[in-house]
Amino acid sequence: QVQLVESGGGLVQAGGSLKLSCVVSESIFSISTMYWYRQAPGKQREQVAYIRSTGFTGYANSVKGRFTISRDAAKNTLYLQMNSLKPEDTAIYYCNTNYRGGSWGQGTQVTVSS
């Protein structure tokens, strides 16, 4: 099963930026879709962004224009650049893939203070 390790979270003030990383144990970007999800306390996990094998990207309406998903195949690393952060972006952020059913990592905590 593919392993995913997220990092880059932290505490930031509203309006600030963070860049999350997700290191993937196998070279799968050319054959799979990669996702970023988040889960806030007391809420269901929601999909934030995705990038297909073709490079096509998509975003939840709540983050469109503020977040950018990207990948570096040479480093087997998926990224999520988050700008203009809001308190409602506070959540644990996870990456995942549709390769062989996917795999959940431990996530990385993002906290945005007002």
C-alpha atoms as a PDB file:
ATOM      1  CA  GLN A   1       0.000   0.000   0.000  1.00  0.00           C
ATOM      2  CA  VAL A   2       1.304   3.451  -0.885  1.00  0.00           C
ATOM      3  CA  GLN A   3       2.489   5.518   2.093  1.00  0.00           C
ATOM      4  CA  LEU A   4       1.702   9.228   2.422  1.00  0.00           C
ATOM      5  CA  VAL A   5       3.369  11.573   4.909  1.00  0.00           C
ATOM      6  CA  GLU A   6       2.051  15.105   5.327  1.00  0.00           C
ATOM      7  CA  SER A   7       3.950  18.033   6.842  1.00  0.00           C
ATOM      8  CA  GLY A   8       4.067  21.809   6.867  1.00  0.00           C
ATOM      9  CA  GLY A   9       1.138  22.656   9.097  1.00  0.00           C
ATOM     10  CA  GLY A  10       1.287  25.133  11.924  1.00  0.00           C
ATOM     11  CA  LEU A  11      -0.245  28.173  13.584  1.00  0.00           C
ATOM     12  CA  VAL A  12      -0.715  31.255  11.418  1.00  0.00           C
ATOM     13  CA  GLN A  13      -2.656  34.485  11.663  1.00  0.00           C
ATOM     14  CA  ALA A  14      -5.605  35.173   9.401  1.00  0.00           C
ATOM     15  CA  GLY A  15      -4.384  36.455   6.059  1.00  0.00           C
ATOM     16  CA  GLY A  16      -1.169  34.462   6.290  1.00  0.00           C
ATOM     17  CA  SER A  17       0.171  31.617   4.190  1.00  0.00           C
ATOM     18  CA  LEU A  18       1.350  28.054   4.632  1.00  0.00           C
ATOM     19  CA  LYS A  19       2.645  25.426   2.224  1.00  0.00           C
ATOM     20  CA  LEU A  20       1.837  21.813   2.967  1.00  0.00           C
ATOM     21  CA  SER A  21       3.832  18.892   1.622  1.00  0.00           C
ATOM     22  CA  CYS A  22       2.946  15.233   1.147  1.00  0.00           C
ATOM     23  CA  VAL A  23       5.733  12.779   0.414  1.00  0.00           C
ATOM     24  CA  VAL A  24       4.543   9.692  -1.451  1.00  0.00           C
ATOM     25  CA  SER A  25       6.353   6.367  -1.176  1.00  0.00           C
ATOM     26  CA  GLU A  26       5.888   5.447  -4.857  1.00  0.00           C
ATOM     27  CA  SER A  27       6.086   7.277  -8.182  1.00  0.00           C
ATOM     28  CA  ILE A  28       2.401   7.405  -8.985  1.00  0.00           C
ATOM     29  CA  PHE A  29       1.691  10.957 -10.154  1.00  0.00           C
ATOM     30  CA  SER A  30       1.573   9.962 -13.820  1.00  0.00           C
ATOM     31  CA  ILE A  31      -0.994   7.236 -13.194  1.00  0.00           C
ATOM     32  CA  SER A  32      -3.220   8.558 -10.432  1.00  0.00           C
ATOM     33  CA  THR A  33      -5.181  11.487  -9.082  1.00  0.00           C
ATOM     34  CA  MET A  34      -3.873  13.101  -5.908  1.00  0.00           C
ATOM     35  CA  TYR A  35      -6.077  14.855  -3.385  1.00  0.00           C
ATOM     36  CA  TRP A  36      -5.928  17.164  -0.402  1.00  0.00           C
ATOM     37  CA  TYR A  37      -8.659  16.773   2.187  1.00  0.00           C
ATOM     38  CA  ARG A  38      -9.295  18.475   5.509  1.00  0.00           C
ATOM     39  CA  GLN A  39     -11.289  17.723   8.618  1.00  0.00           C
ATOM     40  CA  ALA A  40     -12.275  20.381  11.113  1.00  0.00           C
ATOM     41  CA  PRO A  41     -13.353  19.488  14.670  1.00  0.00           C
ATOM     42  CA  GLY A  42     -16.868  18.120  14.693  1.00  0.00           C
ATOM     43  CA  LYS A  43     -17.143  18.157  10.911  1.00  0.00           C
ATOM     44  CA  GLN A  44     -16.892  15.600   8.147  1.00  0.00           C
ATOM     45  CA  ARG A  45     -13.756  15.270   6.096  1.00  0.00           C
ATOM     46  CA  GLU A  46     -14.024  17.342   2.919  1.00  0.00           C
ATOM     47  CA  GLN A  47     -12.070  17.371  -0.307  1.00  0.00           C
ATOM     48  CA  VAL A  48     -10.136  20.590  -0.778  1.00  0.00           C
ATOM     49  CA  ALA A  49      -8.275  20.110  -4.054  1.00  0.00           C
ATOM     50  CA  TYR A  50      -7.206  17.500  -6.559  1.00  0.00           C
ATOM     51  CA  ILE A  51      -4.716  17.121  -9.378  1.00  0.00           C
ATOM     52  CA  ARG A  52      -5.174  14.492 -12.043  1.00  0.00           C
ATOM     53  CA  SER A  53      -2.431  12.549 -13.796  1.00  0.00           C
ATOM     54  CA  THR A  54      -2.856  14.975 -16.719  1.00  0.00           C
ATOM     55  CA  GLY A  55      -2.150  17.928 -14.447  1.00  0.00           C
ATOM     56  CA  PHE A  56      -5.730  19.140 -14.456  1.00  0.00           C
ATOM     57  CA  THR A  57      -6.652  20.653 -11.090  1.00  0.00           C
ATOM     58  CA  GLY A  58      -9.852  21.312  -9.205  1.00  0.00           C
ATOM     59  CA  TYR A  59     -10.770  23.093  -5.977  1.00  0.00           C
ATOM     60  CA  ALA A  60     -13.571  23.349  -3.474  1.00  0.00           C
ATOM     61  CA  ASN A  61     -15.442  26.629  -3.799  1.00  0.00           C
ATOM     62  CA  SER A  62     -14.369  27.601  -0.294  1.00  0.00           C
ATOM     63  CA  VAL A  63     -10.672  27.660  -1.258  1.00  0.00           C
ATOM     64  CA  LYS A  64     -10.788  28.564  -4.951  1.00  0.00           C
ATOM     65  CA  GLY A  65      -8.459  31.458  -5.712  1.00  0.00           C
ATOM     66  CA  ARG A  66      -6.596  31.049  -2.405  1.00  0.00           C
ATOM     67  CA  PHE A  67      -5.147  27.525  -2.508  1.00  0.00           C
ATOM     68  CA  THR A  68      -2.970  25.947  -5.197  1.00  0.00           C
ATOM     69  CA  ILE A  69      -2.249  22.240  -5.550  1.00  0.00           C
ATOM     70  CA  SER A  70       0.937  21.150  -7.294  1.00  0.00           C
ATOM     71  CA  ARG A  71       3.348  18.238  -7.451  1.00  0.00           C
ATOM     72  CA  ASP A  72       7.007  17.489  -8.047  1.00  0.00           C
ATOM     73  CA  ALA A  73       7.436  14.071  -9.621  1.00  0.00           C
ATOM     74  CA  ALA A  74      11.201  14.090  -9.119  1.00  0.00           C
ATOM     75  CA  LYS A  75      10.635  14.393  -5.374  1.00  0.00           C
ATOM     76  CA  ASN A  76       7.449  12.265  -5.211  1.00  0.00           C
ATOM     77  CA  THR A  77       5.935  15.205  -3.345  1.00  0.00           C
ATOM     78  CA  LEU A  78       2.501  16.789  -3.495  1.00  0.00           C
ATOM     79  CA  TYR A  79       2.014  20.373  -2.299  1.00  0.00           C
ATOM     80  CA  LEU A  80      -0.777  22.653  -1.194  1.00  0.00           C
ATOM     81  CA  GLN A  81       0.029  26.357  -1.163  1.00  0.00           C
ATOM     82  CA  MET A  82      -2.488  28.130   1.049  1.00  0.00           C
ATOM     83  CA  ASN A  83      -2.755  31.917   0.912  1.00  0.00           C
ATOM     84  CA  SER A  84      -5.134  34.409   2.510  1.00  0.00           C
ATOM     85  CA  LEU A  85      -5.902  31.914   5.233  1.00  0.00           C
ATOM     86  CA  LYS A  86      -9.084  32.275   7.263  1.00  0.00           C
ATOM     87  CA  PRO A  87     -10.020  30.920  10.696  1.00  0.00           C
ATOM     88  CA  GLU A  88     -12.456  28.546   8.973  1.00  0.00           C
ATOM     89  CA  ASP A  89      -9.500  26.895   7.240  1.00  0.00           C
ATOM     90  CA  THR A  90      -8.471  25.476  10.625  1.00  0.00           C
ATOM     91  CA  ALA A  91      -8.406  21.689  10.287  1.00  0.00           C
ATOM     92  CA  ILE A  92      -6.232  18.639   9.974  1.00  0.00           C
ATOM     93  CA  TYR A  93      -5.112  18.370   6.359  1.00  0.00           C
ATOM     94  CA  TYR A  94      -4.576  15.014   4.661  1.00  0.00           C
ATOM     95  CA  CYS A  95      -3.370  13.941   1.249  1.00  0.00           C
ATOM     96  CA  ASN A  96      -4.640  10.859  -0.537  1.00  0.00           C
ATOM     97  CA  THR A  97      -4.691   9.140  -3.901  1.00  0.00           C
ATOM     98  CA  ASN A  98      -6.975   6.937  -5.956  1.00  0.00           C
ATOM     99  CA  TYR A  99      -4.044   4.572  -6.599  1.00  0.00           C
ATOM    100  CA  ARG A 100      -4.911   1.098  -5.308  1.00  0.00           C
ATOM    101  CA  GLY A 101      -7.696   2.419  -3.126  1.00  0.00           C
ATOM    102  CA  GLY A 102      -5.675   5.180  -1.534  1.00  0.00           C
ATOM    103  CA  SER A 103      -4.155   5.505   1.897  1.00  0.00           C
ATOM    104  CA  TRP A 104      -4.604   7.970   4.748  1.00  0.00           C
ATOM    105  CA  GLY A 105      -1.588   9.485   6.454  1.00  0.00           C
ATOM    106  CA  GLN A 106      -1.498  11.049   9.893  1.00  0.00           C
ATOM    107  CA  GLY A 107      -2.346  14.495   8.565  1.00  0.00           C
ATOM    108  CA  THR A 108      -0.922  17.863   9.493  1.00  0.00           C
ATOM    109  CA  GLN A 109      -2.662  20.398  11.734  1.00  0.00           C
ATOM    110  CA  VAL A 110      -3.367  23.873  10.390  1.00  0.00           C
ATOM    111  CA  THR A 111      -4.611  26.468  12.862  1.00  0.00           C
ATOM    112  CA  VAL A 112      -5.566  29.959  11.718  1.00  0.00           C
ATOM    113  CA  SER A 113      -6.066  32.557  14.424  1.00  0.00           C
ATOM    114  CA  SER A 114      -8.292  35.589  13.973  1.00  0.00           C
END
